[in-house]
Amino acid sequence: MRKYMEEYTEEVLTKLKGKVTKEDLEELKLKITYFQHERLIHLLVTIAFAIFTVIFLCLGMISYVFLIPFTSFIIFLIFYILHYFFLENHVQYLYRLYDEMKAKLKGGN
């Protein structure tokens, strides 16, 4: 997903340098909704991993055996948080590009 978002952002930046059409604006709007959905799914997964991490931490206080899954969950949680922040920041950047494209379309390219 990271590579796809970066490539699409570059494509939008290239379109912004040239002539912008209404179809370009609609395509960007559609892609933003897809990326928002992806961001929501990753948020839910990140929250689930955080909950399981806390559960295994609490269970680890009872028995050390539960610290093994806790360790794997904390590692996955760190990577999910990093990926979620990437998605969040990139979607917000696409919002700004959408506004620029919309302004350029209204301004007559």
N, C-alpha and C. Protein backbone atom coordinates (compact mmCIF):
# COMPACT_ATOMS: atom_id res chain seq x y z
N MET A 1 0.82 -1.18 0.00
CA MET A 1 0.00 0.00 0.00
C MET A 1 0.87 1.26 0.00
N ARG A 2 1.97 1.20 0.72
CA ARG A 2 2.86 2.35 0.80
C ARG A 2 3.35 2.76 -0.59
N LYS A 3 3.83 1.78 -1.34
CA LYS A 3 4.36 2.07 -2.68
C LYS A 3 3.25 2.61 -3.58
N TYR A 4 2.07 2.02 -3.50
CA TYR A 4 0.94 2.46 -4.32
C TYR A 4 0.57 3.90 -4.02
N MET A 5 0.50 4.24 -2.74
CA MET A 5 0.15 5.61 -2.37
C MET A 5 1.21 6.60 -2.83
N GLU A 6 2.47 6.23 -2.68
CA GLU A 6 3.55 7.13 -3.11
C GLU A 6 3.52 7.33 -4.62
N GLU A 7 3.31 6.25 -5.37
CA GLU A 7 3.24 6.37 -6.83
C GLU A 7 2.04 7.21 -7.26
N TYR A 8 0.91 7.01 -6.61
CA TYR A 8 -0.28 7.78 -6.97
C TYR A 8 -0.10 9.26 -6.63
N THR A 9 0.54 9.54 -5.51
CA THR A 9 0.80 10.93 -5.14
C THR A 9 1.69 11.60 -6.17
N GLU A 10 2.71 10.89 -6.64
CA GLU A 10 3.57 11.43 -7.69
C GLU A 10 2.79 11.69 -8.97
N GLU A 11 1.87 10.79 -9.29
CA GLU A 11 1.02 10.96 -10.47
C GLU A 11 0.17 12.22 -10.34
N VAL A 12 -0.40 12.44 -9.17
CA VAL A 12 -1.22 13.63 -8.94
C VAL A 12 -0.37 14.89 -9.02
N LEU A 13 0.83 14.85 -8.46
CA LEU A 13 1.71 16.01 -8.54
C LEU A 13 2.07 16.32 -9.99
N THR A 14 2.27 15.30 -10.80
CA THR A 14 2.55 15.50 -12.23
C THR A 14 1.35 16.13 -12.93
N LYS A 15 0.14 15.66 -12.60
CA LYS A 15 -1.06 16.23 -13.19
C LYS A 15 -1.23 17.69 -12.78
N LEU A 16 -0.86 18.02 -11.56
CA LEU A 16 -0.98 19.40 -11.09
C LEU A 16 -0.06 20.34 -11.85
N LYS A 17 1.06 19.84 -12.34
CA LYS A 17 1.99 20.67 -13.11
C LYS A 17 1.44 20.99 -14.49
N GLY A 18 0.59 20.10 -14.98
CA GLY A 18 0.02 20.28 -16.32
C GLY A 18 -1.41 20.79 -16.23
N LYS A 19 -2.19 20.37 -17.20
CA LYS A 19 -3.60 20.76 -17.26
C LYS A 19 -4.44 19.79 -16.44
N VAL A 20 -5.30 20.34 -15.62
CA VAL A 20 -6.15 19.54 -14.73
C VAL A 20 -7.55 19.49 -15.32
N THR A 21 -8.12 18.28 -15.35
CA THR A 21 -9.49 18.13 -15.84
C THR A 21 -10.41 17.75 -14.69
N LYS A 22 -11.68 17.85 -14.96
CA LYS A 22 -12.67 17.46 -13.95
C LYS A 22 -12.57 15.97 -13.64
N GLU A 23 -12.21 15.17 -14.64
CA GLU A 23 -12.06 13.72 -14.44
C GLU A 23 -10.90 13.43 -13.48
N ASP A 24 -9.83 14.22 -13.61
CA ASP A 24 -8.70 14.06 -12.69
C ASP A 24 -9.14 14.34 -11.25
N LEU A 25 -9.95 15.37 -11.09
CA LEU A 25 -10.44 15.74 -9.76
C LEU A 25 -11.33 14.64 -9.19
N GLU A 26 -12.21 14.10 -10.02
CA GLU A 26 -13.11 13.03 -9.57
C GLU A 26 -12.34 11.75 -9.25
N GLU A 27 -11.31 11.47 -10.05
CA GLU A 27 -10.49 10.28 -9.78
C GLU A 27 -9.76 10.42 -8.45
N LEU A 28 -9.22 11.60 -8.19
CA LEU A 28 -8.54 11.85 -6.92
C LEU A 28 -9.51 11.71 -5.75
N LYS A 29 -10.71 12.23 -5.93
CA LYS A 29 -11.73 12.13 -4.88
C LYS A 29 -12.07 10.67 -4.59
N LEU A 30 -12.18 9.87 -5.65
CA LEU A 30 -12.48 8.45 -5.48
C LEU A 30 -11.33 7.72 -4.78
N LYS A 31 -10.10 8.01 -5.20
CA LYS A 31 -8.93 7.37 -4.58
C LYS A 31 -8.83 7.75 -3.11
N ILE A 32 -9.15 9.00 -2.79
CA ILE A 32 -9.10 9.43 -1.38
C ILE A 32 -10.08 8.60 -0.55
N THR A 33 -11.26 8.32 -1.10
CA THR A 33 -12.21 7.49 -0.34
C THR A 33 -11.67 6.08 -0.13
N TYR A 34 -10.98 5.53 -1.14
CA TYR A 34 -10.37 4.20 -0.98
C TYR A 34 -9.28 4.23 0.10
N PHE A 35 -8.47 5.27 0.06
CA PHE A 35 -7.40 5.39 1.05
C PHE A 35 -7.96 5.64 2.45
N GLN A 36 -9.07 6.36 2.54
CA GLN A 36 -9.71 6.55 3.84
C GLN A 36 -10.21 5.22 4.40
N HIS A 37 -10.76 4.40 3.53
CA HIS A 37 -11.23 3.08 3.96
C HIS A 37 -10.06 2.25 4.46
N GLU A 38 -8.96 2.27 3.72
CA GLU A 38 -7.76 1.54 4.12
C GLU A 38 -7.26 2.04 5.47
N ARG A 39 -7.30 3.35 5.65
CA ARG A 39 -6.85 3.95 6.91
C ARG A 39 -7.75 3.50 8.07
N LEU A 40 -9.05 3.46 7.84
CA LEU A 40 -9.98 3.02 8.88
C LEU A 40 -9.72 1.56 9.27
N ILE A 41 -9.53 0.70 8.28
CA ILE A 41 -9.26 -0.71 8.57
C ILE A 41 -7.98 -0.85 9.39
N HIS A 42 -6.94 -0.11 9.00
CA HIS A 42 -5.69 -0.20 9.75
C HIS A 42 -5.82 0.38 11.15
N LEU A 43 -6.66 1.39 11.32
CA LEU A 43 -6.91 1.91 12.66
C LEU A 43 -7.56 0.84 13.54
N LEU A 44 -8.55 0.15 12.99
CA LEU A 44 -9.23 -0.90 13.76
C LEU A 44 -8.28 -2.05 14.11
N VAL A 45 -7.43 -2.43 13.16
CA VAL A 45 -6.47 -3.49 13.42
C VAL A 45 -5.46 -3.03 14.48
N THR A 46 -5.02 -1.79 14.39
CA THR A 46 -4.07 -1.26 15.37
C THR A 46 -4.68 -1.23 16.77
N ILE A 47 -5.94 -0.83 16.86
CA ILE A 47 -6.62 -0.82 18.16
C ILE A 47 -6.74 -2.25 18.70
N ALA A 48 -7.08 -3.20 17.82
CA ALA A 48 -7.19 -4.60 18.27
C ALA A 48 -5.85 -5.11 18.77
N PHE A 49 -4.77 -4.80 18.05
CA PHE A 49 -3.44 -5.23 18.50
C PHE A 49 -3.08 -4.57 19.83
N ALA A 50 -3.47 -3.31 20.01
CA ALA A 50 -3.18 -2.64 21.28
C ALA A 50 -3.93 -3.30 22.43
N ILE A 51 -5.17 -3.67 22.19
CA ILE A 51 -5.97 -4.33 23.23
C ILE A 51 -5.36 -5.70 23.58
N PHE A 52 -5.01 -6.48 22.55
CA PHE A 52 -4.39 -7.79 22.81
C PHE A 52 -3.05 -7.64 23.50
N THR A 53 -2.31 -6.60 23.17
CA THR A 53 -1.01 -6.36 23.82
C THR A 53 -1.21 -6.10 25.30
N VAL A 54 -2.18 -5.28 25.64
CA VAL A 54 -2.46 -4.99 27.05
C VAL A 54 -2.95 -6.24 27.77
N ILE A 55 -3.80 -7.01 27.11
CA ILE A 55 -4.31 -8.25 27.72
C ILE A 55 -3.15 -9.20 28.03
N PHE A 56 -2.26 -9.39 27.05
CA PHE A 56 -1.14 -10.31 27.29
C PHE A 56 -0.14 -9.75 28.30
N LEU A 57 -0.05 -8.43 28.39
CA LEU A 57 0.80 -7.84 29.42
C LEU A 57 0.22 -8.14 30.81
N CYS A 58 -1.08 -7.99 30.94
CA CYS A 58 -1.73 -8.30 32.23
C CYS A 58 -1.61 -9.78 32.57
N LEU A 59 -1.81 -10.62 31.56
CA LEU A 59 -1.66 -12.06 31.79
C LEU A 59 -0.20 -12.42 32.09
N GLY A 60 0.73 -11.64 31.53
CA GLY A 60 2.15 -11.88 31.78
C GLY A 60 2.52 -11.61 33.22
N MET A 61 1.74 -10.79 33.90
CA MET A 61 1.98 -10.56 35.32
C MET A 61 1.56 -11.76 36.17
N ILE A 62 0.69 -12.57 35.62
CA ILE A 62 0.24 -13.77 36.31
C ILE A 62 1.20 -14.93 36.03
N SER A 63 1.52 -15.11 34.75
CA SER A 63 2.42 -16.19 34.34
C SER A 63 3.36 -15.67 33.25
N TYR A 64 4.61 -16.01 33.39
CA TYR A 64 5.61 -15.52 32.44
C TYR A 64 5.44 -16.07 31.04
N VAL A 65 4.68 -17.14 30.90
CA VAL A 65 4.45 -17.75 29.60
C VAL A 65 3.78 -16.77 28.64
N PHE A 66 2.93 -15.90 29.19
CA PHE A 66 2.18 -14.94 28.37
C PHE A 66 3.05 -13.78 27.90
N LEU A 67 4.26 -13.67 28.38
CA LEU A 67 5.14 -12.60 27.92
C LEU A 67 5.69 -12.88 26.52
N ILE A 68 5.68 -14.14 26.11
CA ILE A 68 6.13 -14.47 24.76
C ILE A 68 5.16 -13.89 23.71
N PRO A 69 3.85 -14.14 23.82
CA PRO A 69 2.95 -13.50 22.85
C PRO A 69 2.91 -11.98 23.02
N PHE A 70 3.09 -11.50 24.25
CA PHE A 70 3.14 -10.05 24.47
C PHE A 70 4.26 -9.42 23.66
N THR A 71 5.41 -10.06 23.65
CA THR A 71 6.55 -9.53 22.91
C THR A 71 6.26 -9.46 21.41
N SER A 72 5.66 -10.51 20.87
CA SER A 72 5.33 -10.48 19.44
C SER A 72 4.25 -9.44 19.14
N PHE A 73 3.28 -9.32 20.03
CA PHE A 73 2.23 -8.32 19.82
C PHE A 73 2.78 -6.90 19.91
N ILE A 74 3.70 -6.64 20.79
CA ILE A 74 4.25 -5.28 20.91
C ILE A 74 5.06 -4.92 19.67
N ILE A 75 5.76 -5.91 19.10
CA ILE A 75 6.52 -5.66 17.87
C ILE A 75 5.56 -5.35 16.71
N PHE A 76 4.53 -6.16 16.56
CA PHE A 76 3.54 -5.91 15.51
C PHE A 76 2.84 -4.57 15.73
N LEU A 77 2.55 -4.25 16.97
CA LEU A 77 1.87 -2.99 17.28
C LEU A 77 2.71 -1.79 16.86
N ILE A 78 4.00 -1.86 17.10
CA ILE A 78 4.88 -0.75 16.70
C ILE A 78 4.83 -0.55 15.19
N PHE A 79 4.91 -1.65 14.44
CA PHE A 79 4.88 -1.53 12.98
C PHE A 79 3.51 -1.08 12.47
N TYR A 80 2.44 -1.54 13.11
CA TYR A 80 1.11 -1.08 12.71
C TYR A 80 0.94 0.40 12.98
N ILE A 81 1.45 0.88 14.10
CA ILE A 81 1.35 2.31 14.40
C ILE A 81 2.13 3.13 13.38
N LEU A 82 3.32 2.69 13.04
CA LEU A 82 4.11 3.40 12.03
C LEU A 82 3.39 3.42 10.68
N HIS A 83 2.83 2.29 10.29
CA HIS A 83 2.11 2.24 9.02
C HIS A 83 0.85 3.10 9.06
N TYR A 84 0.15 3.09 10.19
CA TYR A 84 -1.05 3.91 10.30
C TYR A 84 -0.70 5.40 10.20
N PHE A 85 0.39 5.81 10.83
CA PHE A 85 0.78 7.21 10.73
C PHE A 85 1.14 7.58 9.29
N PHE A 86 1.77 6.66 8.57
CA PHE A 86 2.04 6.92 7.16
C PHE A 86 0.74 7.13 6.40
N LEU A 87 -0.22 6.23 6.60
CA LEU A 87 -1.51 6.35 5.91
C LEU A 87 -2.20 7.66 6.27
N GLU A 88 -2.22 7.98 7.55
CA GLU A 88 -2.88 9.20 8.01
C GLU A 88 -2.26 10.44 7.37
N ASN A 89 -0.95 10.54 7.41
CA ASN A 89 -0.27 11.71 6.86
C ASN A 89 -0.43 11.80 5.34
N HIS A 90 -0.39 10.66 4.67
CA HIS A 90 -0.52 10.69 3.22
C HIS A 90 -1.93 11.04 2.78
N VAL A 91 -2.93 10.56 3.49
CA VAL A 91 -4.32 10.91 3.14
C VAL A 91 -4.53 12.40 3.37
N GLN A 92 -3.99 12.95 4.43
CA GLN A 92 -4.13 14.38 4.66
C GLN A 92 -3.40 15.18 3.59
N TYR A 93 -2.27 14.67 3.12
CA TYR A 93 -1.56 15.32 2.03
C TYR A 93 -2.39 15.29 0.74
N LEU A 94 -3.09 14.17 0.51
CA LEU A 94 -3.96 14.08 -0.66
C LEU A 94 -5.13 15.06 -0.55
N TYR A 95 -5.60 15.33 0.66
CA TYR A 95 -6.63 16.36 0.85
C TYR A 95 -6.13 17.71 0.32
N ARG A 96 -4.89 18.04 0.70
CA ARG A 96 -4.32 19.31 0.25
C ARG A 96 -4.14 19.33 -1.27
N LEU A 97 -3.71 18.22 -1.83
CA LEU A 97 -3.58 18.14 -3.29
C LEU A 97 -4.94 18.27 -3.97
N TYR A 98 -5.96 17.71 -3.37
CA TYR A 98 -7.31 17.84 -3.91
C TYR A 98 -7.73 19.30 -3.92
N ASP A 99 -7.46 20.01 -2.82
CA ASP A 99 -7.81 21.42 -2.76
C ASP A 99 -7.04 22.23 -3.81
N GLU A 100 -5.76 21.90 -4.00
CA GLU A 100 -4.96 22.59 -5.02
C GLU A 100 -5.51 22.30 -6.41
N MET A 101 -5.86 21.05 -6.66
CA MET A 101 -6.39 20.68 -7.97
C MET A 101 -7.72 21.36 -8.20
N LYS A 102 -8.55 21.44 -7.19
CA LYS A 102 -9.85 22.09 -7.31
C LYS A 102 -9.68 23.59 -7.59
N ALA A 103 -8.73 24.21 -6.88
CA ALA A 103 -8.47 25.64 -7.10
C ALA A 103 -7.92 25.88 -8.50
N LYS A 104 -7.06 24.99 -8.96
CA LYS A 104 -6.50 25.13 -10.30
C LYS A 104 -7.57 24.94 -11.35
N LEU A 105 -8.48 24.03 -11.12
CA LEU A 105 -9.57 23.80 -12.07
C LEU A 105 -10.49 25.01 -12.14
N LYS A 106 -10.77 25.61 -10.99
CA LYS A 106 -11.64 26.81 -10.97
C LYS A 106 -10.91 28.01 -11.57
N GLY A 107 -9.60 28.05 -11.38
CA GLY A 107 -8.82 29.18 -11.91
C GLY A 107 -8.57 29.10 -13.39
N GLY A 108 -8.95 28.02 -14.01
CA GLY A 108 -8.80 27.88 -15.45
C GLY A 108 -7.46 27.32 -15.87
N ASN A 109 -6.85 26.51 -15.00
CA ASN A 109 -5.56 25.87 -15.28
C ASN A 109 -4.50 26.91 -15.40
